[in-house]
Amino acid sequence: ADGRWTLHVAKTHKVVHMSIGGPTT
């Protein structure tokens, strides 16, 4: 659990996916 925000970058076969994770309880 974390009160901090996180940006996630996932790369699969040269395809990039970006997401934002909010705080977790």
PDB file of all heavy atoms in Angstrom:
ATOM      1  N   ALA A   1       0.852  -1.190   0.000  1.00  0.00           N
ATOM      2  CA  ALA A   1       0.000   0.000   0.000  1.00  0.00           C
ATOM      3  C   ALA A   1       0.886   1.236   0.000  1.00  0.00           C
ATOM      4  O   ALA A   1       1.961   1.252   0.602  1.00  0.00           O
ATOM      5  CB  ALA A   1      -0.905  -0.006   1.225  1.00  0.00           C
ATOM      6  N   ASP A   2       0.434   2.277  -0.701  1.00  0.00           N
ATOM      7  CA  ASP A   2       1.280   3.459  -0.844  1.00  0.00           C
ATOM      8  C   ASP A   2       0.416   4.670  -1.133  1.00  0.00           C
ATOM      9  O   ASP A   2      -0.503   4.607  -1.954  1.00  0.00           O
ATOM     10  CB  ASP A   2       2.276   3.243  -1.994  1.00  0.00           C
ATOM     11  CG  ASP A   2       3.491   4.142  -1.890  1.00  0.00           C
ATOM     12  OD1 ASP A   2       3.371   5.250  -1.334  1.00  0.00           O
ATOM     13  OD2 ASP A   2       4.572   3.734  -2.367  1.00  0.00           O
ATOM     14  N   GLY A   3       0.692   5.775  -0.456  1.00  0.00           N
ATOM     15  CA  GLY A   3      -0.045   7.002  -0.695  1.00  0.00           C
ATOM     16  C   GLY A   3       0.498   7.802  -1.858  1.00  0.00           C
ATOM     17  O   GLY A   3      -0.013   8.881  -2.166  1.00  0.00           O
ATOM     18  N   ARG A   4       1.526   7.277  -2.526  1.00  0.00           N
ATOM     19  CA  ARG A   4       2.150   8.006  -3.631  1.00  0.00           C
ATOM     20  C   ARG A   4       1.581   7.569  -4.985  1.00  0.00           C
ATOM     21  O   ARG A   4       1.156   6.446  -5.159  1.00  0.00           O
ATOM     22  CB  ARG A   4       3.668   7.785  -3.610  1.00  0.00           C
ATOM     23  CG  ARG A   4       4.345   8.320  -2.355  1.00  0.00           C
ATOM     24  CD  ARG A   4       5.787   7.913  -2.271  1.00  0.00           C
ATOM     25  NE  ARG A   4       5.939   6.474  -2.064  1.00  0.00           N
ATOM     26  CZ  ARG A   4       7.111   5.836  -2.043  1.00  0.00           C
ATOM     27  NH1 ARG A   4       8.222   6.512  -2.256  1.00  0.00           N
ATOM     28  NH2 ARG A   4       7.150   4.538  -1.831  1.00  0.00           N
ATOM     29  N   TRP A   5       1.616   8.497  -5.938  1.00  0.00           N
ATOM     30  CA  TRP A   5       1.210   8.216  -7.306  1.00  0.00           C
ATOM     31  C   TRP A   5       2.379   7.594  -8.066  1.00  0.00           C
ATOM     32  O   TRP A   5       3.548   7.848  -7.753  1.00  0.00           O
ATOM     33  CB  TRP A   5       0.808   9.497  -8.016  1.00  0.00           C
ATOM     34  CG  TRP A   5      -0.386  10.211  -7.468  1.00  0.00           C
ATOM     35  CD1 TRP A   5      -0.604  10.569  -6.166  1.00  0.00           C
ATOM     36  CD2 TRP A   5      -1.513  10.691  -8.214  1.00  0.00           C
ATOM     37  NE1 TRP A   5      -1.802  11.239  -6.056  1.00  0.00           N
ATOM     38  CE2 TRP A   5      -2.375  11.337  -7.296  1.00  0.00           C
ATOM     39  CE3 TRP A   5      -1.862  10.648  -9.549  1.00  0.00           C
ATOM     40  CZ2 TRP A   5      -3.574  11.931  -7.678  1.00  0.00           C
ATOM     41  CZ3 TRP A   5      -3.056  11.239  -9.944  1.00  0.00           C
ATOM     42  CH2 TRP A   5      -3.896  11.866  -9.008  1.00  0.00           C
ATOM     43  N   THR A   6       2.065   6.803  -9.094  1.00  0.00           N
ATOM     44  CA  THR A   6       3.110   6.156  -9.888  1.00  0.00           C
ATOM     45  C   THR A   6       2.764   6.194 -11.368  1.00  0.00           C
ATOM     46  O   THR A   6       1.626   5.916 -11.757  1.00  0.00           O
ATOM     47  CB  THR A   6       3.287   4.676  -9.474  1.00  0.00           C
ATOM     48  OG1 THR A   6       3.457   4.587  -8.063  1.00  0.00           O
ATOM     49  CG2 THR A   6       4.507   4.070 -10.155  1.00  0.00           C
ATOM     50  N   LEU A   7       3.749   6.542 -12.194  1.00  0.00           N
ATOM     51  CA  LEU A   7       3.623   6.420 -13.638  1.00  0.00           C
ATOM     52  C   LEU A   7       4.263   5.105 -14.069  1.00  0.00           C
ATOM     53  O   LEU A   7       5.398   4.816 -13.676  1.00  0.00           O
ATOM     54  CB  LEU A   7       4.316   7.585 -14.345  1.00  0.00           C
ATOM     55  CG  LEU A   7       3.536   8.895 -14.476  1.00  0.00           C
ATOM     56  CD1 LEU A   7       4.428   9.977 -15.069  1.00  0.00           C
ATOM     57  CD2 LEU A   7       2.299   8.709 -15.341  1.00  0.00           C
ATOM     58  N   HIS A   8       3.544   4.310 -14.843  1.00  0.00           N
ATOM     59  CA  HIS A   8       4.062   3.032 -15.317  1.00  0.00           C
ATOM     60  C   HIS A   8       4.261   3.078 -16.829  1.00  0.00           C
ATOM     61  O   HIS A   8       3.362   3.497 -17.566  1.00  0.00           O
ATOM     62  CB  HIS A   8       3.086   1.895 -14.987  1.00  0.00           C
ATOM     63  CG  HIS A   8       2.930   1.652 -13.517  1.00  0.00           C
ATOM     64  ND1 HIS A   8       1.725   1.770 -12.857  1.00  0.00           N
ATOM     65  CD2 HIS A   8       3.829   1.295 -12.571  1.00  0.00           C
ATOM     66  CE1 HIS A   8       1.889   1.505 -11.580  1.00  0.00           C
ATOM     67  NE2 HIS A   8       3.159   1.214 -11.379  1.00  0.00           N
ATOM     68  N   VAL A   9       5.438   2.644 -17.256  1.00  0.00           N
ATOM     69  CA  VAL A   9       5.727   2.526 -18.682  1.00  0.00           C
ATOM     70  C   VAL A   9       6.026   1.064 -18.963  1.00  0.00           C
ATOM     71  O   VAL A   9       6.968   0.495 -18.401  1.00  0.00           O
ATOM     72  CB  VAL A   9       6.933   3.393 -19.102  1.00  0.00           C
ATOM     73  CG1 VAL A   9       7.108   3.364 -20.621  1.00  0.00           C
ATOM     74  CG2 VAL A   9       6.773   4.823 -18.606  1.00  0.00           C
ATOM     75  N   ALA A  10       5.224   0.431 -19.805  1.00  0.00           N
ATOM     76  CA  ALA A  10       5.418  -0.974 -20.163  1.00  0.00           C
ATOM     77  C   ALA A  10       5.694  -1.073 -21.662  1.00  0.00           C
ATOM     78  O   ALA A  10       4.932  -0.533 -22.472  1.00  0.00           O
ATOM     79  CB  ALA A  10       4.191  -1.801 -19.803  1.00  0.00           C
ATOM     80  N   LYS A  11       6.771  -1.760 -22.018  1.00  0.00           N
ATOM     81  CA  LYS A  11       7.153  -1.898 -23.426  1.00  0.00           C
ATOM     82  C   LYS A  11       7.137  -3.365 -23.811  1.00  0.00           C
ATOM     83  O   LYS A  11       7.808  -4.186 -23.193  1.00  0.00           O
ATOM     84  CB  LYS A  11       8.540  -1.301 -23.661  1.00  0.00           C
ATOM     85  CG  LYS A  11       8.982  -1.295 -25.116  1.00  0.00           C
ATOM     86  CD  LYS A  11      10.330  -0.611 -25.264  1.00  0.00           C
ATOM     87  CE  LYS A  11      10.780  -0.571 -26.712  1.00  0.00           C
ATOM     88  NZ  LYS A  11      12.103   0.093 -26.854  1.00  0.00           N
ATOM     89  N   THR A  12       6.356  -3.704 -24.833  1.00  0.00           N
ATOM     90  CA  THR A  12       6.257  -5.070 -25.325  1.00  0.00           C
ATOM     91  C   THR A  12       6.402  -5.071 -26.841  1.00  0.00           C
ATOM     92  O   THR A  12       5.576  -4.481 -27.546  1.00  0.00           O
ATOM     93  CB  THR A  12       4.898  -5.705 -24.961  1.00  0.00           C
ATOM     94  OG1 THR A  12       4.631  -5.496 -23.571  1.00  0.00           O
ATOM     95  CG2 THR A  12       4.898  -7.194 -25.250  1.00  0.00           C
ATOM     96  N   HIS A  13       7.454  -5.717 -27.327  1.00  0.00           N
ATOM     97  CA  HIS A  13       7.686  -5.796 -28.780  1.00  0.00           C
ATOM     98  C   HIS A  13       7.614  -4.416 -29.430  1.00  0.00           C
ATOM     99  O   HIS A  13       6.915  -4.199 -30.424  1.00  0.00           O
ATOM    100  CB  HIS A  13       6.664  -6.738 -29.435  1.00  0.00           C
ATOM    101  CG  HIS A  13       6.635  -8.106 -28.833  1.00  0.00           C
ATOM    102  ND1 HIS A  13       7.744  -8.917 -28.781  1.00  0.00           N
ATOM    103  CD2 HIS A  13       5.624  -8.797 -28.243  1.00  0.00           C
ATOM    104  CE1 HIS A  13       7.428 -10.062 -28.194  1.00  0.00           C
ATOM    105  NE2 HIS A  13       6.152 -10.006 -27.848  1.00  0.00           N
ATOM    106  N   LYS A  14       8.309  -3.451 -28.807  1.00  0.00           N
ATOM    107  CA  LYS A  14       8.437  -2.080 -29.303  1.00  0.00           C
ATOM    108  C   LYS A  14       7.143  -1.269 -29.195  1.00  0.00           C
ATOM    109  O   LYS A  14       7.080  -0.120 -29.639  1.00  0.00           O
ATOM    110  CB  LYS A  14       8.942  -2.067 -30.749  1.00  0.00           C
ATOM    111  CG  LYS A  14      10.340  -2.650 -30.915  1.00  0.00           C
ATOM    112  CD  LYS A  14      10.822  -2.522 -32.348  1.00  0.00           C
ATOM    113  CE  LYS A  14      12.220  -3.091 -32.486  1.00  0.00           C
ATOM    114  NZ  LYS A  14      12.733  -2.961 -33.882  1.00  0.00           N
ATOM    115  N   VAL A  15       6.108  -1.844 -28.617  1.00  0.00           N
ATOM    116  CA  VAL A  15       4.870  -1.109 -28.362  1.00  0.00           C
ATOM    117  C   VAL A  15       4.879  -0.630 -26.914  1.00  0.00           C
ATOM    118  O   VAL A  15       5.042  -1.428 -25.992  1.00  0.00           O
ATOM    119  CB  VAL A  15       3.629  -1.979 -28.619  1.00  0.00           C
ATOM    120  CG1 VAL A  15       2.365  -1.208 -28.272  1.00  0.00           C
ATOM    121  CG2 VAL A  15       3.591  -2.434 -30.073  1.00  0.00           C
ATOM    122  N   VAL A  16       4.706   0.680 -26.705  1.00  0.00           N
ATOM    123  CA  VAL A  16       4.793   1.269 -25.364  1.00  0.00           C
ATOM    124  C   VAL A  16       3.395   1.604 -24.850  1.00  0.00           C
ATOM    125  O   VAL A  16       2.578   2.181 -25.575  1.00  0.00           O
ATOM    126  CB  VAL A  16       5.664   2.537 -25.369  1.00  0.00           C
ATOM    127  CG1 VAL A  16       5.786   3.099 -23.954  1.00  0.00           C
ATOM    128  CG2 VAL A  16       7.043   2.235 -25.943  1.00  0.00           C
ATOM    129  N   HIS A  17       3.146   1.222 -23.610  1.00  0.00           N
ATOM    130  CA  HIS A  17       1.873   1.525 -22.951  1.00  0.00           C
ATOM    131  C   HIS A  17       2.167   2.331 -21.695  1.00  0.00           C
ATOM    132  O   HIS A  17       3.019   1.960 -20.890  1.00  0.00           O
ATOM    133  CB  HIS A  17       1.146   0.232 -22.570  1.00  0.00           C
ATOM    134  CG  HIS A  17      -0.115   0.461 -21.791  1.00  0.00           C
ATOM    135  ND1 HIS A  17      -1.274   0.923 -22.368  1.00  0.00           N
ATOM    136  CD2 HIS A  17      -0.382   0.310 -20.466  1.00  0.00           C
ATOM    137  CE1 HIS A  17      -2.213   1.043 -21.441  1.00  0.00           C
ATOM    138  NE2 HIS A  17      -1.688   0.681 -20.276  1.00  0.00           N
ATOM    139  N   MET A  18       1.463   3.463 -21.545  1.00  0.00           N
ATOM    140  CA  MET A  18       1.671   4.357 -20.412  1.00  0.00           C
ATOM    141  C   MET A  18       0.418   4.391 -19.552  1.00  0.00           C
ATOM    142  O   MET A  18      -0.710   4.478 -20.064  1.00  0.00           O
ATOM    143  CB  MET A  18       1.958   5.766 -20.936  1.00  0.00           C
ATOM    144  CG  MET A  18       2.478   6.717 -19.888  1.00  0.00           C
ATOM    145  SD  MET A  18       4.269   6.613 -19.783  1.00  0.00           S
ATOM    146  CE  MET A  18       4.585   7.967 -18.652  1.00  0.00           C
ATOM    147  N   SER A  19       0.599   4.336 -18.234  1.00  0.00           N
ATOM    148  CA  SER A  19      -0.554   4.397 -17.333  1.00  0.00           C
ATOM    149  C   SER A  19      -0.162   5.120 -16.048  1.00  0.00           C
ATOM    150  O   SER A  19       1.018   5.256 -15.732  1.00  0.00           O
ATOM    151  CB  SER A  19      -1.074   2.996 -17.010  1.00  0.00           C
ATOM    152  OG  SER A  19      -0.079   2.227 -16.349  1.00  0.00           O
ATOM    153  N   ILE A  20      -1.166   5.579 -15.333  1.00  0.00           N
ATOM    154  CA  ILE A  20      -0.951   6.250 -14.055  1.00  0.00           C
ATOM    155  C   ILE A  20      -1.655   5.477 -12.961  1.00  0.00           C
ATOM    156  O   ILE A  20      -2.837   5.167 -13.080  1.00  0.00           O
ATOM    157  CB  ILE A  20      -1.444   7.722 -14.109  1.00  0.00           C
ATOM    158  CG1 ILE A  20      -1.336   8.385 -12.727  1.00  0.00           C
ATOM    159  CG2 ILE A  20      -2.874   7.805 -14.630  1.00  0.00           C
ATOM    160  CD1 ILE A  20       0.057   8.659 -12.297  1.00  0.00           C
ATOM    161  N   GLY A  21      -0.921   5.132 -11.931  1.00  0.00           N
ATOM    162  CA  GLY A  21      -1.482   4.414 -10.796  1.00  0.00           C
ATOM    163  C   GLY A  21      -1.701   5.359  -9.636  1.00  0.00           C
ATOM    164  O   GLY A  21      -0.813   6.144  -9.283  1.00  0.00           O
ATOM    165  N   GLY A  22      -2.889   5.306  -9.059  1.00  0.00           N
ATOM    166  CA  GLY A  22      -3.191   6.174  -7.938  1.00  0.00           C
ATOM    167  C   GLY A  22      -2.737   5.582  -6.613  1.00  0.00           C
ATOM    168  O   GLY A  22      -2.129   4.509  -6.562  1.00  0.00           O
ATOM    169  N   PRO A  23      -3.004   6.257  -5.516  1.00  0.00           N
ATOM    170  CA  PRO A  23      -2.669   5.752  -4.186  1.00  0.00           C
ATOM    171  C   PRO A  23      -3.373   4.419  -3.924  1.00  0.00           C
ATOM    172  O   PRO A  23      -4.463   4.162  -4.455  1.00  0.00           O
ATOM    173  CB  PRO A  23      -3.184   6.842  -3.242  1.00  0.00           C
ATOM    174  CG  PRO A  23      -3.318   8.063  -4.097  1.00  0.00           C
ATOM    175  CD  PRO A  23      -3.672   7.574  -5.442  1.00  0.00           C
ATOM    176  N   THR A  24      -2.754   3.572  -3.105  1.00  0.00           N
ATOM    177  CA  THR A  24      -3.333   2.259  -2.814  1.00  0.00           C
ATOM    178  C   THR A  24      -3.497   2.072  -1.308  1.00  0.00           C
ATOM    179  O   THR A  24      -2.687   2.555  -0.522  1.00  0.00           O
ATOM    180  CB  THR A  24      -2.456   1.127  -3.372  1.00  0.00           C
ATOM    181  OG1 THR A  24      -1.106   1.278  -2.889  1.00  0.00           O
ATOM    182  CG2 THR A  24      -2.427   1.160  -4.893  1.00  0.00           C
ATOM    183  N   THR A  25      -4.548   1.355  -0.934  1.00  0.00           N
ATOM    184  CA  THR A  25      -4.861   1.168   0.486  1.00  0.00           C
ATOM    185  C   THR A  25      -4.429  -0.195   1.022  1.00  0.00           C
ATOM    186  O   THR A  25      -4.472  -0.426   2.222  1.00  0.00           O
ATOM    187  CB  THR A  25      -6.374   1.313   0.707  1.00  0.00           C
ATOM    188  OG1 THR A  25      -7.068   0.327  -0.091  1.00  0.00           O
ATOM    189  CG2 THR A  25      -6.852   2.696   0.308  1.00  0.00           C
TER     190      THR A  25
END
